[in-house]
Amino acid sequence: MNRTFLVLIAVLGCSLTAFSQGISDNAIGIRVGDNDGLGTEINYQRALSENNRLEFGLGWNDGNKNAAYKLTALYQWVFVLDGNFNWYVGAGGGIGQVVFDNDFPGNPDDETFFFGAGDIGIEYDFEIPLLISLDFRPEIGFGDFKSDLDFDIALGLRYQF
């Protein structure tokens, strides 16, 4: 039992010290998911160090009866999984607004909301400047429109420069 526990601790320790050596300084693209109609977003990543980066997203939805936008900011830690595969985990939050009945500006039903978010995902860094990712982002909202826990699974495609 003790030997199994020590081996597990050693493997976990080694995996946590194997940081990504090749994340790009900048990446821009699209993240396609579904989260109250605001899961699809234009996305930008900025490296802070070898294994940390910031991710920013702008999601919007323009329906018949409402329009909405959402700004997201996340801090992420990136770890090497194998070769060009990385996995990452992060946390952050954002702000958004829903405008109901676009013909009536200042509608009292319009709402600004805030949310906290976590993020965990896997990505593949191609030899060309393309990054593809699949991630899971739980969000907890604060406001009438977004006052619950939402789960968003999304596919990301980004150009690295």
N, C-alpha and C. Protein backbone atom coordinates (compact mmCIF):
# COMPACT_ATOMS: atom_id res chain seq x y z
N MET A 1 0.82 -1.20 0.00
CA MET A 1 0.00 0.00 0.00
C MET A 1 0.86 1.25 0.00
N ASN A 2 1.88 1.29 0.87
CA ASN A 2 2.76 2.46 0.94
C ASN A 2 3.51 2.66 -0.37
N ARG A 3 3.96 1.55 -0.98
CA ARG A 3 4.71 1.65 -2.23
C ARG A 3 3.82 2.21 -3.35
N THR A 4 2.58 1.76 -3.44
CA THR A 4 1.63 2.27 -4.43
C THR A 4 1.37 3.76 -4.22
N PHE A 5 1.21 4.15 -2.98
CA PHE A 5 0.98 5.56 -2.66
C PHE A 5 2.18 6.42 -3.07
N LEU A 6 3.41 5.95 -2.78
CA LEU A 6 4.61 6.70 -3.14
C LEU A 6 4.77 6.81 -4.66
N VAL A 7 4.47 5.74 -5.37
CA VAL A 7 4.55 5.78 -6.83
C VAL A 7 3.53 6.77 -7.39
N LEU A 8 2.31 6.76 -6.85
CA LEU A 8 1.28 7.70 -7.30
C LEU A 8 1.71 9.15 -7.05
N ILE A 9 2.27 9.43 -5.88
CA ILE A 9 2.75 10.79 -5.57
C ILE A 9 3.88 11.19 -6.51
N ALA A 10 4.80 10.27 -6.81
CA ALA A 10 5.91 10.57 -7.72
C ALA A 10 5.42 10.88 -9.13
N VAL A 11 4.48 10.08 -9.63
CA VAL A 11 3.94 10.31 -10.97
C VAL A 11 3.20 11.63 -11.03
N LEU A 12 2.40 11.92 -10.02
CA LEU A 12 1.67 13.19 -9.97
C LEU A 12 2.64 14.36 -9.91
N GLY A 13 3.67 14.25 -9.10
CA GLY A 13 4.67 15.33 -8.99
C GLY A 13 5.39 15.58 -10.30
N CYS A 14 5.77 14.51 -10.99
CA CYS A 14 6.45 14.66 -12.28
C CYS A 14 5.55 15.29 -13.33
N SER A 15 4.28 14.91 -13.32
CA SER A 15 3.37 15.47 -14.33
C SER A 15 3.10 16.94 -14.07
N LEU A 16 3.10 17.37 -12.82
CA LEU A 16 2.85 18.78 -12.53
C LEU A 16 4.07 19.65 -12.79
N THR A 17 5.28 19.06 -12.84
CA THR A 17 6.46 19.87 -13.11
C THR A 17 6.79 19.92 -14.59
N ALA A 18 6.10 19.16 -15.41
CA ALA A 18 6.35 19.14 -16.85
C ALA A 18 5.54 20.23 -17.53
N PHE A 19 6.02 21.45 -17.45
CA PHE A 19 5.30 22.58 -18.02
C PHE A 19 5.49 22.67 -19.52
N SER A 20 4.56 23.31 -20.19
CA SER A 20 4.64 23.51 -21.62
C SER A 20 5.82 24.39 -21.98
N GLN A 21 6.58 24.00 -22.98
CA GLN A 21 7.73 24.78 -23.40
C GLN A 21 7.44 25.59 -24.66
N GLY A 22 6.27 25.42 -25.27
CA GLY A 22 6.08 26.03 -26.56
C GLY A 22 4.77 26.75 -26.78
N ILE A 23 4.16 27.34 -25.74
CA ILE A 23 2.93 28.07 -26.04
C ILE A 23 3.29 29.35 -26.77
N SER A 24 2.46 29.69 -27.70
CA SER A 24 2.68 30.85 -28.54
C SER A 24 2.47 32.14 -27.76
N ASP A 25 3.18 33.21 -28.17
CA ASP A 25 2.99 34.52 -27.52
C ASP A 25 1.57 35.03 -27.69
N ASN A 26 0.99 34.84 -28.87
CA ASN A 26 -0.36 35.32 -29.17
C ASN A 26 -1.10 34.28 -30.00
N ALA A 27 -2.40 34.19 -29.78
CA ALA A 27 -3.26 33.33 -30.60
C ALA A 27 -4.63 33.99 -30.66
N ILE A 28 -5.21 34.01 -31.85
CA ILE A 28 -6.54 34.60 -32.03
C ILE A 28 -7.37 33.65 -32.87
N GLY A 29 -8.64 33.57 -32.56
CA GLY A 29 -9.50 32.67 -33.32
C GLY A 29 -10.91 32.68 -32.82
N ILE A 30 -11.55 31.51 -32.92
CA ILE A 30 -12.95 31.38 -32.55
C ILE A 30 -13.09 30.17 -31.62
N ARG A 31 -13.98 30.31 -30.68
CA ARG A 31 -14.32 29.24 -29.73
C ARG A 31 -15.82 28.99 -29.90
N VAL A 32 -16.19 27.79 -30.35
CA VAL A 32 -17.58 27.47 -30.68
C VAL A 32 -18.15 26.54 -29.63
N GLY A 33 -19.13 27.04 -28.88
CA GLY A 33 -19.81 26.27 -27.85
C GLY A 33 -21.24 26.75 -27.73
N ASP A 34 -21.88 26.38 -26.62
CA ASP A 34 -23.25 26.84 -26.39
C ASP A 34 -23.45 27.07 -24.91
N ASN A 35 -23.71 28.31 -24.53
CA ASN A 35 -23.95 28.65 -23.14
C ASN A 35 -24.96 29.78 -23.13
N ASP A 36 -26.24 29.47 -23.00
CA ASP A 36 -27.33 30.45 -23.08
C ASP A 36 -27.26 31.26 -24.37
N GLY A 37 -26.76 30.64 -25.44
CA GLY A 37 -26.64 31.34 -26.71
C GLY A 37 -25.42 32.22 -26.80
N LEU A 38 -24.58 32.26 -25.76
CA LEU A 38 -23.40 33.12 -25.73
C LEU A 38 -22.11 32.33 -25.67
N GLY A 39 -22.13 31.06 -26.03
CA GLY A 39 -20.95 30.23 -25.95
C GLY A 39 -19.99 30.40 -27.10
N THR A 40 -20.45 30.82 -28.25
CA THR A 40 -19.58 31.07 -29.38
C THR A 40 -18.96 32.45 -29.23
N GLU A 41 -17.64 32.51 -29.37
CA GLU A 41 -16.97 33.78 -29.12
C GLU A 41 -15.72 33.94 -29.97
N ILE A 42 -15.36 35.18 -30.20
CA ILE A 42 -14.05 35.51 -30.75
C ILE A 42 -13.10 35.47 -29.56
N ASN A 43 -11.94 34.86 -29.75
CA ASN A 43 -11.09 34.51 -28.63
C ASN A 43 -9.66 34.94 -28.88
N TYR A 44 -8.99 35.45 -27.84
CA TYR A 44 -7.59 35.87 -27.92
C TYR A 44 -6.84 35.33 -26.72
N GLN A 45 -5.65 34.78 -26.96
CA GLN A 45 -4.78 34.30 -25.89
C GLN A 45 -3.46 35.05 -25.92
N ARG A 46 -2.96 35.42 -24.75
CA ARG A 46 -1.69 36.13 -24.62
C ARG A 46 -0.84 35.40 -23.58
N ALA A 47 0.34 34.92 -24.00
CA ALA A 47 1.24 34.22 -23.08
C ALA A 47 1.86 35.21 -22.10
N LEU A 48 1.95 34.79 -20.85
CA LEU A 48 2.61 35.59 -19.82
C LEU A 48 3.98 35.03 -19.48
N SER A 49 4.13 33.70 -19.59
CA SER A 49 5.39 33.01 -19.36
C SER A 49 5.35 31.70 -20.13
N GLU A 50 6.29 30.79 -19.83
CA GLU A 50 6.33 29.50 -20.54
C GLU A 50 5.06 28.68 -20.35
N ASN A 51 4.43 28.85 -19.18
CA ASN A 51 3.31 27.97 -18.88
C ASN A 51 2.07 28.69 -18.36
N ASN A 52 2.01 30.01 -18.50
CA ASN A 52 0.84 30.78 -18.06
C ASN A 52 0.41 31.71 -19.18
N ARG A 53 -0.90 31.91 -19.27
CA ARG A 53 -1.42 32.82 -20.28
C ARG A 53 -2.75 33.41 -19.83
N LEU A 54 -3.15 34.47 -20.50
CA LEU A 54 -4.46 35.07 -20.33
C LEU A 54 -5.29 34.73 -21.56
N GLU A 55 -6.57 34.51 -21.36
CA GLU A 55 -7.49 34.26 -22.47
C GLU A 55 -8.66 35.23 -22.34
N PHE A 56 -8.98 35.90 -23.44
CA PHE A 56 -10.09 36.84 -23.48
C PHE A 56 -11.08 36.39 -24.55
N GLY A 57 -12.36 36.52 -24.26
CA GLY A 57 -13.38 36.13 -25.22
C GLY A 57 -14.49 37.16 -25.31
N LEU A 58 -15.04 37.33 -26.51
CA LEU A 58 -16.20 38.19 -26.75
C LEU A 58 -17.26 37.34 -27.43
N GLY A 59 -18.33 37.06 -26.69
CA GLY A 59 -19.45 36.31 -27.24
C GLY A 59 -20.64 37.23 -27.43
N TRP A 60 -21.46 36.96 -28.43
CA TRP A 60 -22.64 37.77 -28.67
C TRP A 60 -23.74 36.93 -29.29
N ASN A 61 -24.95 37.44 -29.16
CA ASN A 61 -26.13 36.78 -29.71
C ASN A 61 -27.11 37.88 -30.10
N ASP A 62 -27.58 37.86 -31.31
CA ASP A 62 -28.53 38.86 -31.78
C ASP A 62 -29.77 38.13 -32.29
N GLY A 63 -30.74 37.94 -31.39
CA GLY A 63 -31.96 37.22 -31.74
C GLY A 63 -33.08 38.16 -32.14
N ASN A 64 -34.29 37.62 -32.37
CA ASN A 64 -35.44 38.43 -32.76
C ASN A 64 -35.94 39.31 -31.63
N LYS A 65 -35.96 38.79 -30.40
CA LYS A 65 -36.51 39.52 -29.27
C LYS A 65 -35.46 40.08 -28.32
N ASN A 66 -34.20 39.70 -28.52
CA ASN A 66 -33.17 40.21 -27.63
C ASN A 66 -31.81 40.22 -28.31
N ALA A 67 -30.88 40.93 -27.70
CA ALA A 67 -29.49 40.95 -28.12
C ALA A 67 -28.66 40.85 -26.85
N ALA A 68 -27.52 40.18 -26.93
CA ALA A 68 -26.70 40.00 -25.74
C ALA A 68 -25.23 39.95 -26.13
N TYR A 69 -24.38 40.32 -25.18
CA TYR A 69 -22.95 40.14 -25.34
C TYR A 69 -22.37 39.69 -24.00
N LYS A 70 -21.17 39.10 -24.08
CA LYS A 70 -20.49 38.61 -22.89
C LYS A 70 -19.00 38.76 -23.09
N LEU A 71 -18.30 39.37 -22.15
CA LEU A 71 -16.85 39.50 -22.15
C LEU A 71 -16.29 38.57 -21.08
N THR A 72 -15.31 37.75 -21.44
CA THR A 72 -14.73 36.78 -20.53
C THR A 72 -13.23 36.97 -20.45
N ALA A 73 -12.66 36.85 -19.25
CA ALA A 73 -11.21 36.88 -19.05
C ALA A 73 -10.84 35.71 -18.14
N LEU A 74 -9.84 34.93 -18.55
CA LEU A 74 -9.39 33.76 -17.79
C LEU A 74 -7.87 33.77 -17.66
N TYR A 75 -7.38 33.32 -16.52
CA TYR A 75 -5.96 33.07 -16.32
C TYR A 75 -5.77 31.56 -16.40
N GLN A 76 -4.80 31.11 -17.22
CA GLN A 76 -4.63 29.68 -17.45
C GLN A 76 -3.21 29.21 -17.17
N TRP A 77 -3.10 27.99 -16.63
CA TRP A 77 -1.84 27.28 -16.48
C TRP A 77 -1.82 26.18 -17.53
N VAL A 78 -0.73 26.08 -18.29
CA VAL A 78 -0.63 25.14 -19.41
C VAL A 78 0.44 24.10 -19.08
N PHE A 79 0.14 22.82 -19.29
CA PHE A 79 1.04 21.71 -18.99
C PHE A 79 1.20 20.82 -20.21
N VAL A 80 2.43 20.31 -20.43
CA VAL A 80 2.68 19.38 -21.52
C VAL A 80 2.04 18.05 -21.19
N LEU A 81 1.32 17.51 -22.15
CA LEU A 81 0.73 16.18 -21.99
C LEU A 81 1.59 15.16 -22.72
N ASP A 82 1.83 15.42 -24.03
CA ASP A 82 2.67 14.53 -24.82
C ASP A 82 2.94 15.20 -26.16
N GLY A 83 4.19 15.42 -26.49
CA GLY A 83 4.53 16.04 -27.76
C GLY A 83 3.88 17.39 -27.93
N ASN A 84 3.01 17.50 -28.93
CA ASN A 84 2.32 18.76 -29.19
C ASN A 84 1.00 18.88 -28.45
N PHE A 85 0.65 17.89 -27.65
CA PHE A 85 -0.57 17.96 -26.84
C PHE A 85 -0.28 18.64 -25.51
N ASN A 86 -1.12 19.59 -25.15
CA ASN A 86 -1.06 20.25 -23.85
C ASN A 86 -2.43 20.12 -23.18
N TRP A 87 -2.44 20.26 -21.89
CA TRP A 87 -3.71 20.41 -21.17
C TRP A 87 -3.58 21.66 -20.34
N TYR A 88 -4.70 22.26 -20.02
CA TYR A 88 -4.67 23.52 -19.29
C TYR A 88 -5.85 23.60 -18.34
N VAL A 89 -5.67 24.43 -17.34
CA VAL A 89 -6.70 24.67 -16.34
C VAL A 89 -6.63 26.16 -16.01
N GLY A 90 -7.78 26.75 -15.72
CA GLY A 90 -7.78 28.18 -15.44
C GLY A 90 -9.02 28.63 -14.70
N ALA A 91 -9.00 29.90 -14.33
CA ALA A 91 -10.13 30.51 -13.63
C ALA A 91 -10.22 31.97 -14.03
N GLY A 92 -11.41 32.52 -13.91
CA GLY A 92 -11.62 33.92 -14.25
C GLY A 92 -13.07 34.30 -14.10
N GLY A 93 -13.51 35.20 -14.95
CA GLY A 93 -14.89 35.65 -14.90
C GLY A 93 -15.17 36.63 -16.01
N GLY A 94 -16.28 37.36 -15.84
CA GLY A 94 -16.63 38.31 -16.87
C GLY A 94 -17.90 39.06 -16.58
N ILE A 95 -18.31 39.80 -17.59
CA ILE A 95 -19.49 40.64 -17.52
C ILE A 95 -20.26 40.49 -18.83
N GLY A 96 -21.55 40.67 -18.77
CA GLY A 96 -22.37 40.59 -19.97
C GLY A 96 -23.61 41.45 -19.83
N GLN A 97 -24.32 41.60 -20.93
CA GLN A 97 -25.55 42.38 -20.92
C GLN A 97 -26.54 41.75 -21.89
N VAL A 98 -27.80 41.73 -21.48
CA VAL A 98 -28.89 41.26 -22.32
C VAL A 98 -29.84 42.44 -22.51
N VAL A 99 -30.16 42.74 -23.77
CA VAL A 99 -31.07 43.83 -24.12
C VAL A 99 -32.29 43.19 -24.78
N PHE A 100 -33.44 43.28 -24.11
CA PHE A 100 -34.68 42.70 -24.62
C PHE A 100 -35.42 43.70 -25.49
N ASP A 101 -36.12 43.21 -26.51
CA ASP A 101 -36.92 44.03 -27.41
C ASP A 101 -36.11 45.20 -27.94
N ASN A 102 -35.30 44.93 -28.95
CA ASN A 102 -34.35 45.91 -29.49
C ASN A 102 -34.99 47.23 -29.94
N ASP A 103 -36.32 47.25 -30.16
CA ASP A 103 -36.98 48.47 -30.62
C ASP A 103 -37.25 49.46 -29.49
N PHE A 104 -37.00 49.05 -28.25
CA PHE A 104 -37.33 49.90 -27.11
C PHE A 104 -36.08 50.10 -26.25
N PRO A 105 -35.26 51.14 -26.57
CA PRO A 105 -34.05 51.36 -25.78
C PRO A 105 -34.40 51.71 -24.34
N GLY A 106 -33.59 51.24 -23.41
CA GLY A 106 -33.82 51.53 -22.01
C GLY A 106 -34.91 50.68 -21.38
N ASN A 107 -35.26 49.56 -22.01
CA ASN A 107 -36.26 48.64 -21.48
C ASN A 107 -35.86 48.23 -20.06
N PRO A 108 -36.77 48.32 -19.09
CA PRO A 108 -36.41 47.96 -17.71
C PRO A 108 -36.08 46.48 -17.54
N ASP A 109 -36.39 45.65 -18.53
CA ASP A 109 -36.04 44.23 -18.44
C ASP A 109 -34.59 43.98 -18.86
N ASP A 110 -33.92 44.98 -19.46
CA ASP A 110 -32.52 44.83 -19.83
C ASP A 110 -31.71 44.51 -18.59
N GLU A 111 -30.68 43.70 -18.75
CA GLU A 111 -29.91 43.30 -17.58
C GLU A 111 -28.42 43.19 -17.85
N THR A 112 -27.64 43.66 -16.91
CA THR A 112 -26.20 43.43 -16.88
C THR A 112 -25.94 42.33 -15.86
N PHE A 113 -25.09 41.39 -16.19
CA PHE A 113 -24.80 40.30 -15.28
C PHE A 113 -23.29 40.08 -15.17
N PHE A 114 -22.88 39.46 -14.08
CA PHE A 114 -21.50 39.10 -13.83
C PHE A 114 -21.43 37.59 -13.66
N PHE A 115 -20.26 37.00 -13.89
CA PHE A 115 -20.12 35.56 -13.70
C PHE A 115 -18.67 35.21 -13.37
N GLY A 116 -18.53 34.11 -12.65
CA GLY A 116 -17.24 33.51 -12.39
C GLY A 116 -17.13 32.25 -13.24
N ALA A 117 -15.92 31.91 -13.67
CA ALA A 117 -15.76 30.76 -14.56
C ALA A 117 -14.49 29.98 -14.24
N GLY A 118 -14.57 28.69 -14.45
CA GLY A 118 -13.41 27.81 -14.42
C GLY A 118 -13.19 27.30 -15.84
N ASP A 119 -12.07 26.68 -16.09
CA ASP A 119 -11.77 26.21 -17.43
C ASP A 119 -10.79 25.04 -17.34
N ILE A 120 -11.07 23.97 -18.05
CA ILE A 120 -10.13 22.86 -18.17
C ILE A 120 -10.25 22.33 -19.60
N GLY A 121 -9.10 22.05 -20.22
CA GLY A 121 -9.17 21.60 -21.60
C GLY A 121 -7.89 20.94 -22.08
N ILE A 122 -7.95 20.49 -23.30
CA ILE A 122 -6.82 19.87 -23.98
C ILE A 122 -6.65 20.58 -25.32
N GLU A 123 -5.40 20.71 -25.77
CA GLU A 123 -5.15 21.39 -27.04
C GLU A 123 -4.03 20.68 -27.80
N TYR A 124 -4.06 20.86 -29.12
CA TYR A 124 -3.02 20.32 -29.98
C TYR A 124 -2.43 21.47 -30.78
N ASP A 125 -1.11 21.57 -30.72
CA ASP A 125 -0.37 22.63 -31.39
C ASP A 125 0.25 22.03 -32.66
N PHE A 126 -0.34 22.36 -33.83
CA PHE A 126 0.17 21.84 -35.10
C PHE A 126 1.51 22.48 -35.43
N GLU A 127 2.24 21.87 -36.38
CA GLU A 127 3.53 22.43 -36.83
C GLU A 127 3.31 23.74 -37.58
N ILE A 128 2.14 23.89 -38.19
CA ILE A 128 1.77 25.18 -38.78
C ILE A 128 1.19 26.04 -37.65
N PRO A 129 1.00 27.34 -37.83
CA PRO A 129 0.53 28.18 -36.71
C PRO A 129 -0.96 28.02 -36.41
N LEU A 130 -1.39 26.79 -36.15
CA LEU A 130 -2.78 26.49 -35.84
C LEU A 130 -2.85 25.75 -34.51
N LEU A 131 -3.76 26.16 -33.67
CA LEU A 131 -3.99 25.54 -32.37
C LEU A 131 -5.45 25.13 -32.31
N ILE A 132 -5.71 23.87 -31.98
CA ILE A 132 -7.08 23.39 -31.85
C ILE A 132 -7.26 22.92 -30.41
N SER A 133 -8.41 23.23 -29.83
CA SER A 133 -8.62 22.87 -28.43
C SER A 133 -10.06 22.40 -28.20
N LEU A 134 -10.23 21.66 -27.14
CA LEU A 134 -11.54 21.24 -26.66
C LEU A 134 -11.53 21.50 -25.17
N ASP A 135 -12.49 22.29 -24.68
CA ASP A 135 -12.48 22.62 -23.27
C ASP A 135 -13.87 22.59 -22.65
N PHE A 136 -13.86 22.56 -21.34
CA PHE A 136 -15.05 22.54 -20.51
C PHE A 136 -14.98 23.75 -19.60
N ARG A 137 -16.01 24.60 -19.65
CA ARG A 137 -16.01 25.84 -18.87
C ARG A 137 -17.30 25.97 -18.06
N PRO A 138 -17.26 25.60 -16.77
CA PRO A 138 -18.43 25.88 -15.92
C PRO A 138 -18.46 27.35 -15.53
N GLU A 139 -19.64 27.94 -15.55
CA GLU A 139 -19.82 29.35 -15.19
C GLU A 139 -20.96 29.48 -14.19
N ILE A 140 -20.74 30.31 -13.17
CA ILE A 140 -21.81 30.61 -12.22
C ILE A 140 -22.13 32.09 -12.35
N GLY A 141 -23.40 32.38 -12.63
CA GLY A 141 -23.82 33.74 -12.91
C GLY A 141 -24.43 34.43 -11.71
N PHE A 142 -24.35 35.75 -11.74
CA PHE A 142 -24.92 36.61 -10.71
C PHE A 142 -25.80 37.64 -11.40
N GLY A 143 -27.09 37.42 -11.43
CA GLY A 143 -28.06 38.28 -12.10
C GLY A 143 -29.27 37.45 -12.48
N ASP A 144 -30.38 38.10 -12.81
CA ASP A 144 -31.61 37.37 -13.12
C ASP A 144 -31.46 36.51 -14.38
N PHE A 145 -30.83 37.06 -15.42
CA PHE A 145 -30.69 36.30 -16.67
C PHE A 145 -29.77 35.10 -16.48
N LYS A 146 -28.70 35.28 -15.77
CA LYS A 146 -27.68 34.25 -15.61
C LYS A 146 -27.41 34.07 -14.12
N SER A 147 -28.34 33.39 -13.43
CA SER A 147 -28.23 33.25 -11.99
C SER A 147 -28.02 31.81 -11.55
N ASP A 148 -27.50 30.98 -12.42
CA ASP A 148 -27.33 29.58 -12.09
C ASP A 148 -25.98 29.10 -12.58
N LEU A 149 -25.75 27.81 -12.46
CA LEU A 149 -24.52 27.19 -12.92
C LEU A 149 -24.75 26.66 -14.33
N ASP A 150 -23.93 27.12 -15.27
CA ASP A 150 -24.02 26.66 -16.66
C ASP A 150 -22.73 25.93 -17.02
N PHE A 151 -22.87 24.93 -17.86
CA PHE A 151 -21.72 24.17 -18.32
C PHE A 151 -21.58 24.37 -19.82
N ASP A 152 -20.38 24.73 -20.26
CA ASP A 152 -20.13 25.00 -21.66
C ASP A 152 -18.98 24.12 -22.13
N ILE A 153 -19.21 23.33 -23.16
CA ILE A 153 -18.15 22.55 -23.81
C ILE A 153 -17.98 23.17 -25.19
N ALA A 154 -16.71 23.46 -25.56
CA ALA A 154 -16.48 24.18 -26.80
C ALA A 154 -15.24 23.69 -27.52
N LEU A 155 -15.25 23.88 -28.83
CA LEU A 155 -14.13 23.60 -29.71
C LEU A 155 -13.52 24.94 -30.12
N GLY A 156 -12.21 25.06 -30.00
CA GLY A 156 -11.52 26.30 -30.36
C GLY A 156 -10.55 26.08 -31.51
N LEU A 157 -10.50 27.04 -32.41
CA LEU A 157 -9.53 27.09 -33.50
C LEU A 157 -8.87 28.46 -33.45
N ARG A 158 -7.52 28.48 -33.33
CA ARG A 158 -6.81 29.75 -33.19
C ARG A 158 -5.59 29.78 -34.09
N TYR A 159 -5.33 30.96 -34.64
CA TYR A 159 -4.11 31.23 -35.40
C TYR A 159 -3.08 31.78 -34.42
N GLN A 160 -1.89 31.19 -34.43
CA GLN A 160 -0.82 31.62 -33.51
C GLN A 160 0.16 32.54 -34.20
N PHE A 161 0.56 33.58 -33.50
CA PHE A 161 1.58 34.48 -34.03
C PHE A 161 2.45 35.03 -32.93
